[in-house]
């Protein structure tokens, strides 16, 4: 993979630890940078989007998941987590997202 190419990001809720008032497992956020594809996105949360935001541009342009610290090995998927720590610190919970990408 070469950087400089454009990729669609499909961000899927893989796991929820605690209680998330926004997402359910399996829901997706689809991004074709710089836009969120609303008609293919199930839900959006400002807390989760905050942690994802800094990774959107490099991932959309082909920077590796491994290089960004989102995967152990090279490949087309990585993982990121919502910043809400959940109990006992908050009443919410944290969401683990799997990010996959496809060339557009």
C-alpha atoms as a PDB file:
ATOM      1  CA  UNK A   1       0.000   0.000   0.000  1.00  0.00           C
ATOM      2  CA  UNK A   2       1.248   3.469  -0.831  1.00  0.00           C
ATOM      3  CA  UNK A   3       0.342   6.634   0.992  1.00  0.00           C
ATOM      4  CA  UNK A   4      -1.359   9.274  -1.129  1.00  0.00           C
ATOM      5  CA  UNK A   5      -4.155   6.960  -2.242  1.00  0.00           C
ATOM      6  CA  UNK A   6      -7.695   7.546  -0.955  1.00  0.00           C
ATOM      7  CA  UNK A   7      -9.553   5.068   1.235  1.00  0.00           C
ATOM      8  CA  UNK A   8     -13.042   4.707   2.687  1.00  0.00           C
ATOM      9  CA  UNK A   9     -13.016   3.940   6.410  1.00  0.00           C
ATOM     10  CA  UNK A  10     -15.625   1.569   7.820  1.00  0.00           C
ATOM     11  CA  UNK A  11     -15.607   1.853  11.593  1.00  0.00           C
ATOM     12  CA  UNK A  12     -17.596  -0.905  13.307  1.00  0.00           C
ATOM     13  CA  UNK A  13     -18.538  -1.258  16.971  1.00  0.00           C
ATOM     14  CA  UNK A  14     -16.750  -4.484  17.904  1.00  0.00           C
ATOM     15  CA  UNK A  15     -17.291  -4.571  21.680  1.00  0.00           C
ATOM     16  CA  UNK A  16     -18.880  -2.489  24.444  1.00  0.00           C
ATOM     17  CA  UNK A  17     -17.541  -2.650  27.987  1.00  0.00           C
ATOM     18  CA  UNK A  18     -20.062  -1.200  30.399  1.00  0.00           C
ATOM     19  CA  UNK A  19     -23.051   0.785  29.151  1.00  0.00           C
ATOM     20  CA  UNK A  20     -22.940   2.933  26.014  1.00  0.00           C
ATOM     21  CA  UNK A  21     -25.975   5.196  25.544  1.00  0.00           C
ATOM     22  CA  UNK A  22     -25.232   5.677  21.832  1.00  0.00           C
ATOM     23  CA  UNK A  23     -23.906   2.542  20.127  1.00  0.00           C
ATOM     24  CA  UNK A  24     -24.865  -1.113  19.789  1.00  0.00           C
ATOM     25  CA  UNK A  25     -22.428  -3.835  18.709  1.00  0.00           C
ATOM     26  CA  UNK A  26     -22.274  -4.041  14.919  1.00  0.00           C
ATOM     27  CA  UNK A  27     -23.202  -0.423  14.212  1.00  0.00           C
ATOM     28  CA  UNK A  28     -21.021   1.432  11.725  1.00  0.00           C
ATOM     29  CA  UNK A  29     -19.583   4.838  10.916  1.00  0.00           C
ATOM     30  CA  UNK A  30     -18.502   5.276   7.289  1.00  0.00           C
ATOM     31  CA  UNK A  31     -16.063   8.014   6.348  1.00  0.00           C
ATOM     32  CA  UNK A  32     -14.901   9.165   2.936  1.00  0.00           C
ATOM     33  CA  UNK A  33     -12.601  11.920   4.133  1.00  0.00           C
ATOM     34  CA  UNK A  34     -13.399  14.688   4.694  1.00  0.00           C
ATOM     35  CA  UNK A  35     -17.048  13.644   5.036  1.00  0.00           C
ATOM     36  CA  UNK A  36     -19.029  11.227   7.159  1.00  0.00           C
ATOM     37  CA  UNK A  37     -21.294   9.239   4.828  1.00  0.00           C
ATOM     38  CA  UNK A  38     -24.536   9.850   6.687  1.00  0.00           C
ATOM     39  CA  UNK A  39     -26.755   7.389   4.795  1.00  0.00           C
ATOM     40  CA  UNK A  40     -24.301   4.535   5.595  1.00  0.00           C
ATOM     41  CA  UNK A  41     -23.623   5.594   9.200  1.00  0.00           C
ATOM     42  CA  UNK A  42     -25.787   4.113  11.960  1.00  0.00           C
ATOM     43  CA  UNK A  43     -24.859   6.483  14.766  1.00  0.00           C
ATOM     44  CA  UNK A  44     -22.295   9.050  15.858  1.00  0.00           C
ATOM     45  CA  UNK A  45     -21.059  10.028  19.308  1.00  0.00           C
ATOM     46  CA  UNK A  46     -18.974  13.133  20.073  1.00  0.00           C
ATOM     47  CA  UNK A  47     -16.908  11.258  22.686  1.00  0.00           C
ATOM     48  CA  UNK A  48     -16.020   8.453  20.283  1.00  0.00           C
ATOM     49  CA  UNK A  49     -15.556  10.787  17.328  1.00  0.00           C
ATOM     50  CA  UNK A  50     -13.020  12.759  19.344  1.00  0.00           C
ATOM     51  CA  UNK A  51     -10.714   9.753  19.641  1.00  0.00           C
ATOM     52  CA  UNK A  52     -11.204   8.722  16.009  1.00  0.00           C
ATOM     53  CA  UNK A  53     -10.771  12.178  14.492  1.00  0.00           C
ATOM     54  CA  UNK A  54      -6.973  12.380  14.628  1.00  0.00           C
ATOM     55  CA  UNK A  55      -6.656   9.067  12.752  1.00  0.00           C
ATOM     56  CA  UNK A  56      -9.092   9.790   9.908  1.00  0.00           C
ATOM     57  CA  UNK A  57      -6.768  11.766   7.632  1.00  0.00           C
ATOM     58  CA  UNK A  58      -3.683   9.518   7.846  1.00  0.00           C
ATOM     59  CA  UNK A  59      -5.754   6.327   7.483  1.00  0.00           C
ATOM     60  CA  UNK A  60      -7.744   7.800   4.586  1.00  0.00           C
ATOM     61  CA  UNK A  61      -4.484   8.437   2.736  1.00  0.00           C
ATOM     62  CA  UNK A  62      -2.905   5.024   3.248  1.00  0.00           C
ATOM     63  CA  UNK A  63      -0.716   5.381   6.348  1.00  0.00           C
ATOM     64  CA  UNK A  64      -0.484   1.937   7.938  1.00  0.00           C
ATOM     65  CA  UNK A  65      -2.498   0.922  10.978  1.00  0.00           C
ATOM     66  CA  UNK A  66       0.665  -0.585  12.470  1.00  0.00           C
ATOM     67  CA  UNK A  67       2.636   2.649  11.992  1.00  0.00           C
ATOM     68  CA  UNK A  68      -0.122   4.576  13.807  1.00  0.00           C
ATOM     69  CA  UNK A  69      -0.145   2.070  16.696  1.00  0.00           C
ATOM     70  CA  UNK A  70      -3.620   0.731  15.865  1.00  0.00           C
ATOM     71  CA  UNK A  71      -2.551  -2.828  14.946  1.00  0.00           C
ATOM     72  CA  UNK A  72       0.207  -5.312  15.778  1.00  0.00           C
ATOM     73  CA  UNK A  73       0.785  -6.303  12.144  1.00  0.00           C
ATOM     74  CA  UNK A  74       0.451  -4.676   8.731  1.00  0.00           C
ATOM     75  CA  UNK A  75      -2.958  -5.064   7.163  1.00  0.00           C
ATOM     76  CA  UNK A  76      -6.188  -3.300   6.348  1.00  0.00           C
ATOM     77  CA  UNK A  77      -7.720  -3.118   9.802  1.00  0.00           C
ATOM     78  CA  UNK A  78      -6.945  -1.673  13.193  1.00  0.00           C
ATOM     79  CA  UNK A  79      -8.587  -0.849  16.493  1.00  0.00           C
ATOM     80  CA  UNK A  80      -9.359   2.246  18.520  1.00  0.00           C
ATOM     81  CA  UNK A  81     -11.272   2.783  21.745  1.00  0.00           C
ATOM     82  CA  UNK A  82     -13.721   5.409  22.977  1.00  0.00           C
ATOM     83  CA  UNK A  83     -12.289   7.713  25.617  1.00  0.00           C
ATOM     84  CA  UNK A  84     -15.087   7.096  28.178  1.00  0.00           C
ATOM     85  CA  UNK A  85     -13.467   4.818  30.813  1.00  0.00           C
ATOM     86  CA  UNK A  86     -16.778   3.576  32.259  1.00  0.00           C
ATOM     87  CA  UNK A  87     -17.343   2.336  35.809  1.00  0.00           C
ATOM     88  CA  UNK A  88     -16.241   3.166  38.417  1.00  0.00           C
ATOM     89  CA  UNK A  89     -15.150   6.480  36.887  1.00  0.00           C
ATOM     90  CA  UNK A  90     -18.229   7.350  34.807  1.00  0.00           C
ATOM     91  CA  UNK A  91     -21.756   6.027  34.343  1.00  0.00           C
ATOM     92  CA  UNK A  92     -20.997   5.106  30.732  1.00  0.00           C
ATOM     93  CA  UNK A  93     -18.732   2.568  29.157  1.00  0.00           C
ATOM     94  CA  UNK A  94     -16.022   2.253  26.593  1.00  0.00           C
ATOM     95  CA  UNK A  95     -16.508   1.098  23.022  1.00  0.00           C
ATOM     96  CA  UNK A  96     -13.909  -0.815  21.014  1.00  0.00           C
ATOM     97  CA  UNK A  97     -14.048   0.023  17.309  1.00  0.00           C
ATOM     98  CA  UNK A  98     -12.606  -1.982  14.433  1.00  0.00           C
ATOM     99  CA  UNK A  99     -11.536   0.202  11.510  1.00  0.00           C
ATOM    100  CA  UNK A 100     -11.333  -1.344   8.058  1.00  0.00           C
ATOM    101  CA  UNK A 101     -10.541   0.489   4.892  1.00  0.00           C
ATOM    102  CA  UNK A 102     -11.124   0.030   1.208  1.00  0.00           C
ATOM    103  CA  UNK A 103      -9.633   1.903  -1.717  1.00  0.00           C
ATOM    104  CA  UNK A 104     -11.929   4.402  -3.428  1.00  0.00           C
END
